Amino acid sequence: MMMKIQVFGMGCRNCHQLEANVKQAVAKSGITAEVEMVTDPVKIADAGIMMTPALAINGDVVTMGRVTSVQEILELLAEVR
């Protein structure tokens, strides 16, 4: 099953940094994942996100309001597998 990872944000520098960190973590982990950047404010609100950037793995919001490090993303991915 392919993992789905979503980065939520309005396109700010921190949101793009989180997306880059996610892509780096996915490459390091060797998993197959779809990485999606969600910028639609309605979709962000529907996901229950109050602060961006935020990160969701397989539909579960795992971080909100900060740029998650590559190492922490690797740990989150390992927990989901």
Protein backbone atom coordinates (compact mmCIF):
# COMPACT_ATOMS: atom_id res chain seq x y z
CA MET A 1 0.00 0.00 0.00
CA MET A 2 1.36 3.42 -0.93
CA MET A 3 1.58 5.92 1.91
CA LYS A 4 -0.08 9.31 1.43
CA ILE A 5 1.67 12.29 2.99
CA GLN A 6 0.11 15.74 2.92
CA VAL A 7 1.80 19.03 3.71
CA PHE A 8 -0.73 21.74 4.57
CA GLY A 9 0.09 25.43 4.14
CA MET A 10 -0.57 28.56 2.17
CA GLY A 11 2.73 28.52 0.31
CA CYS A 12 4.96 30.30 2.82
CA ARG A 13 8.68 29.63 3.20
CA ASN A 14 8.09 27.31 6.18
CA CYS A 15 5.51 25.31 4.24
CA HIS A 16 7.94 24.79 1.37
CA GLN A 17 10.68 23.83 3.84
CA LEU A 18 8.41 21.21 5.40
CA GLU A 19 7.60 19.82 1.95
CA ALA A 20 11.34 19.60 1.17
CA ASN A 21 11.98 17.86 4.51
CA VAL A 22 9.20 15.36 3.77
CA LYS A 23 10.62 14.56 0.33
CA GLN A 24 14.10 14.12 1.81
CA ALA A 25 12.77 11.82 4.55
CA VAL A 26 10.81 9.73 2.03
CA ALA A 27 13.91 9.35 -0.13
CA LYS A 28 16.04 8.33 2.88
CA SER A 29 13.45 5.86 4.16
CA GLY A 30 13.05 4.05 0.86
CA ILE A 31 9.26 3.93 1.17
CA THR A 32 6.83 4.54 -1.65
CA ALA A 33 4.72 7.57 -0.86
CA GLU A 34 2.61 10.18 -2.57
CA VAL A 35 3.53 13.64 -1.27
CA GLU A 36 0.85 16.29 -1.76
CA MET A 37 1.01 20.01 -0.96
CA VAL A 38 -2.43 21.25 0.14
CA THR A 39 -2.86 25.02 -0.16
CA ASP A 40 -6.66 25.27 -0.36
CA PRO A 41 -7.85 27.03 2.83
CA VAL A 42 -11.11 25.06 2.84
CA LYS A 43 -9.26 21.73 2.72
CA ILE A 44 -6.88 22.92 5.43
CA ALA A 45 -9.84 23.85 7.66
CA ASP A 46 -11.67 20.60 6.84
CA ALA A 47 -8.61 18.68 8.07
CA GLY A 48 -8.95 20.46 11.43
CA ILE A 49 -5.69 22.33 11.03
CA MET A 50 -5.45 25.54 13.05
CA MET A 51 -1.79 26.42 12.35
CA THR A 52 0.39 25.81 9.32
CA PRO A 53 2.58 24.26 8.24
CA ALA A 54 1.06 20.93 9.15
CA LEU A 55 1.82 17.35 8.22
CA ALA A 56 -0.57 14.43 7.78
CA ILE A 57 0.31 10.81 7.13
CA ASN A 58 -2.43 8.59 5.70
CA GLY A 59 -5.04 11.15 6.74
CA ASP A 60 -3.85 11.59 10.34
CA VAL A 61 -2.47 15.02 11.25
CA VAL A 62 0.81 14.33 13.05
CA THR A 63 2.34 17.81 13.39
CA MET A 64 0.99 21.34 13.24
CA GLY A 65 2.41 24.85 13.42
CA ARG A 66 6.08 24.04 12.87
CA VAL A 67 8.63 22.80 10.38
CA THR A 68 9.20 19.16 11.31
CA SER A 69 12.80 17.98 10.93
CA VAL A 70 13.84 15.26 8.51
CA GLN A 71 14.80 13.03 11.45
CA GLU A 72 11.43 13.46 13.15
CA ILE A 73 9.61 12.74 9.88
CA LEU A 74 11.67 9.54 9.51
CA GLU A 75 10.58 8.51 13.01
CA LEU A 76 6.92 9.27 12.21
CA LEU A 77 7.14 7.25 8.98
CA ALA A 78 8.64 4.30 10.89
CA GLU A 79 5.72 4.38 13.36
CA VAL A 80 3.16 4.25 10.55
CA ARG A 81 4.71 1.36 8.64
